[in-house]
Amino acid sequence: MIHDIFKVGIYEKELNIDNNFLKKYATTLSKNKDSKITNSNVGGFHSKYLDQKKFKDLSNSVVEHANIFSKALDYGKVKITNMWCNVNGHKDFNQTHNHPASKISGVYYVNTPESCGNITFYSHSWFVLSQAELSRNNNNYTSVTWWKPSKEGMLYLFPSWLLHSVEPNNNKKQKRICYSFNLR
């Protein structure tokens, strides 16, 4: 018998939100240099924290699904503590990071052209797994990383401590646009 003792869940839900406003807002904001900060982003635009009241449909959906996920994790009720947008052009990416002082973090993809880069999650045992050649095939027990596609309309929620990165946008003409958030 095999007992799965250390599982990590990632919540995935396709949302039915009109992304036109979100695209326009992020694109307009990204042209304002005073609205930019640098966190995990290498190149591209990372906004300062946004007023979530301006994004009622997105905020409400995120909180609804985060509370479903939070209940499964036994975290209790959560609410958004901060939200920002990222606009990544050609070769822009987000380096490996996590989100301290939060319980759940997430991303909602608004614009995802072909070859724009996927989100990659790192096993909490990556430092051991990456040192050992344990298996020829990656599976839930031996994978160092696991990725999910950047897909327009997709919401991903994950424990804030989980290390993750976003691959470079290899689309020369279009930008990857997403909104990210932390909850506790």
Protein backbone atom coordinates (compact mmCIF):
# COMPACT_ATOMS: atom_id res chain seq x y z
CA MET A 1 0.00 0.00 0.00
CA ILE A 2 1.22 3.51 -0.82
CA HIS A 3 0.19 6.43 1.36
CA ASP A 4 0.34 9.92 -0.19
CA ILE A 5 1.53 11.93 2.78
CA PHE A 6 2.59 15.30 1.37
CA LYS A 7 0.22 16.54 -1.31
CA VAL A 8 0.09 20.01 -2.84
CA GLY A 9 -3.08 21.16 -4.53
CA ILE A 10 -3.48 23.66 -7.34
CA TYR A 11 -7.00 24.92 -7.95
CA GLU A 12 -7.92 25.48 -11.59
CA LYS A 13 -11.10 27.11 -12.89
CA GLU A 14 -11.99 28.70 -16.21
CA LEU A 15 -13.85 31.92 -15.49
CA ASN A 16 -16.52 33.50 -17.67
CA ILE A 17 -15.43 37.13 -17.32
CA ASP A 18 -15.32 39.81 -20.01
CA ASN A 19 -11.59 40.36 -20.37
CA ASN A 20 -11.78 43.44 -22.62
CA PHE A 21 -11.79 45.90 -19.71
CA LEU A 22 -8.96 44.00 -17.97
CA LYS A 23 -6.82 44.01 -21.14
CA LYS A 24 -7.37 47.71 -21.78
CA TYR A 25 -6.73 48.65 -18.16
CA ALA A 26 -3.47 46.70 -17.94
CA THR A 27 -2.25 47.93 -21.33
CA THR A 28 -2.98 51.57 -20.44
CA LEU A 29 -1.43 51.23 -16.97
CA SER A 30 1.72 49.61 -18.39
CA LYS A 31 2.46 52.81 -20.34
CA ASN A 32 2.70 54.77 -17.07
CA LYS A 33 6.24 54.34 -15.70
CA ASP A 34 5.15 55.66 -12.27
CA SER A 35 2.83 52.64 -11.90
CA LYS A 36 5.64 50.09 -12.32
CA ILE A 37 7.55 48.14 -9.71
CA THR A 38 10.01 45.26 -9.93
CA ASN A 39 9.40 42.06 -7.97
CA SER A 40 9.87 38.69 -9.65
CA ASN A 41 9.56 40.16 -13.12
CA VAL A 42 12.52 40.30 -15.47
CA GLY A 43 11.52 42.82 -18.11
CA GLY A 44 7.88 43.54 -18.65
CA PHE A 45 5.54 45.49 -16.42
CA HIS A 46 4.47 44.69 -12.85
CA SER A 47 1.97 47.20 -11.51
CA LYS A 48 1.77 48.58 -8.03
CA TYR A 49 -1.13 47.16 -5.99
CA LEU A 50 -4.49 47.85 -7.57
CA ASP A 51 -7.81 48.87 -6.04
CA GLN A 52 -9.71 45.60 -6.26
CA LYS A 53 -13.05 47.47 -6.22
CA LYS A 54 -12.34 48.48 -9.84
CA PHE A 55 -12.35 44.79 -10.80
CA LYS A 56 -15.56 43.61 -9.15
CA ASP A 57 -16.26 40.63 -11.45
CA LEU A 58 -12.72 39.33 -11.17
CA SER A 59 -12.40 40.03 -7.43
CA ASN A 60 -15.72 38.35 -6.61
CA SER A 61 -14.85 35.27 -8.68
CA VAL A 62 -11.38 35.00 -7.14
CA VAL A 63 -12.76 35.21 -3.60
CA GLU A 64 -15.52 32.69 -4.37
CA HIS A 65 -13.11 30.10 -5.75
CA ALA A 66 -10.37 30.85 -3.23
CA ASN A 67 -12.80 30.07 -0.43
CA ILE A 68 -13.69 26.74 -2.04
CA PHE A 69 -9.96 25.95 -2.24
CA SER A 70 -9.32 27.34 1.25
CA LYS A 71 -12.01 25.11 2.72
CA ALA A 72 -10.30 22.04 1.20
CA LEU A 73 -6.99 23.21 2.71
CA ASP A 74 -8.67 23.91 6.08
CA TYR A 75 -7.40 27.52 6.02
CA GLY A 76 -10.69 29.18 6.90
CA LYS A 77 -12.27 32.05 4.99
CA VAL A 78 -9.94 34.24 2.95
CA LYS A 79 -10.17 37.60 1.24
CA ILE A 80 -7.94 39.42 -1.23
CA THR A 81 -5.19 41.39 0.47
CA ASN A 82 -3.56 42.70 -2.71
CA MET A 83 -3.86 42.51 -6.48
CA TRP A 84 -1.66 43.61 -9.39
CA CYS A 85 -1.29 43.10 -13.11
CA ASN A 86 1.63 41.91 -15.22
CA VAL A 87 2.21 42.71 -18.88
CA ASN A 88 5.01 40.68 -20.41
CA GLY A 89 6.30 41.27 -23.92
CA HIS A 90 8.83 39.29 -25.91
CA LYS A 91 11.38 37.49 -23.69
CA ASP A 92 9.91 38.92 -20.44
CA PHE A 93 9.40 36.42 -17.61
CA ASN A 94 8.94 35.97 -13.87
CA GLN A 95 11.75 34.32 -11.94
CA THR A 96 11.19 31.70 -9.24
CA HIS A 97 9.44 33.13 -6.18
CA ASN A 98 6.69 32.61 -3.62
CA HIS A 99 4.31 34.95 -1.81
CA PRO A 100 5.15 35.38 1.90
CA ALA A 101 2.58 36.50 4.48
CA SER A 102 -0.33 35.06 2.50
CA LYS A 103 -2.28 31.81 2.56
CA ILE A 104 -3.39 31.51 -1.06
CA SER A 105 -2.02 33.22 -4.16
CA GLY A 106 -3.18 33.07 -7.71
CA VAL A 107 -3.14 34.26 -11.28
CA TYR A 108 -5.87 34.99 -13.81
CA TYR A 109 -4.83 35.05 -17.48
CA VAL A 110 -6.38 37.80 -19.58
CA ASN A 111 -4.32 37.62 -22.80
CA THR A 112 -2.26 34.58 -23.77
CA PRO A 113 -0.95 34.54 -27.33
CA GLU A 114 0.75 31.46 -28.72
CA SER A 115 4.18 30.69 -27.16
CA CYS A 116 3.69 33.23 -24.37
CA GLY A 117 5.12 30.98 -21.61
CA ASN A 118 3.56 28.73 -18.99
CA ILE A 119 3.51 28.86 -15.22
CA THR A 120 5.83 26.34 -13.57
CA PHE A 121 5.50 25.06 -10.01
CA TYR A 122 8.42 23.57 -8.07
CA SER A 123 8.18 20.57 -5.76
CA HIS A 124 8.71 21.47 -2.11
CA SER A 125 11.33 18.68 -2.27
CA TRP A 126 13.00 20.05 -5.38
CA PHE A 127 16.39 20.36 -3.68
CA VAL A 128 16.42 16.59 -3.05
CA LEU A 129 14.70 15.48 -6.23
CA SER A 130 16.93 17.58 -8.47
CA GLN A 131 20.04 15.94 -6.96
CA ALA A 132 18.94 12.35 -7.48
CA GLU A 133 18.12 10.45 -10.63
CA LEU A 134 15.12 8.72 -9.08
CA SER A 135 13.04 7.89 -12.12
CA ARG A 136 13.22 7.98 -15.87
CA ASN A 137 9.62 9.21 -16.01
CA ASN A 138 8.30 12.15 -14.07
CA ASN A 139 5.23 11.46 -11.99
CA ASN A 140 3.55 12.81 -8.86
CA TYR A 141 6.28 11.29 -6.70
CA THR A 142 9.42 12.23 -8.66
CA SER A 143 8.72 15.43 -10.60
CA VAL A 144 10.87 18.40 -9.73
CA THR A 145 8.50 20.75 -11.57
CA TRP A 146 4.94 20.73 -12.79
CA TRP A 147 3.56 23.26 -15.24
CA LYS A 148 0.15 24.57 -16.21
CA PRO A 149 -0.60 26.35 -19.47
CA SER A 150 -1.08 30.10 -19.63
CA LYS A 151 -4.61 30.11 -21.01
CA GLU A 152 -6.91 33.06 -21.45
CA GLY A 153 -9.75 32.97 -18.94
CA MET A 154 -8.00 30.49 -16.63
CA LEU A 155 -7.69 31.03 -12.90
CA TYR A 156 -5.02 29.15 -10.94
CA LEU A 157 -4.90 29.25 -7.14
CA PHE A 158 -2.12 27.68 -5.05
CA PRO A 159 -0.64 27.79 -1.56
CA SER A 160 1.37 31.00 -1.27
CA TRP A 161 4.48 29.16 -0.07
CA LEU A 162 4.69 27.13 -3.30
CA LEU A 163 7.65 28.23 -5.44
CA HIS A 164 6.70 29.09 -9.01
CA SER A 165 7.94 30.97 -12.07
CA VAL A 166 6.61 31.98 -15.47
CA GLU A 167 8.49 31.13 -18.64
CA PRO A 168 9.59 33.83 -21.10
CA ASN A 169 7.05 35.12 -23.56
CA ASN A 170 8.42 33.91 -26.90
CA ASN A 171 5.73 35.68 -28.91
CA LYS A 172 7.41 38.60 -30.68
CA LYS A 173 4.20 40.48 -31.47
CA GLN A 174 1.76 40.03 -28.58
CA LYS A 175 1.96 40.43 -24.82
CA ARG A 176 0.95 38.05 -22.06
CA ILE A 177 -1.38 39.85 -19.63
CA CYS A 178 -2.45 38.53 -16.26
CA TYR A 179 -3.75 39.67 -12.90
CA SER A 180 -2.27 38.18 -9.74
CA PHE A 181 -3.38 38.35 -6.13
CA ASN A 182 -2.77 37.23 -2.59
CA LEU A 183 -5.39 36.16 -0.07
CA ARG A 184 -5.41 35.49 3.65
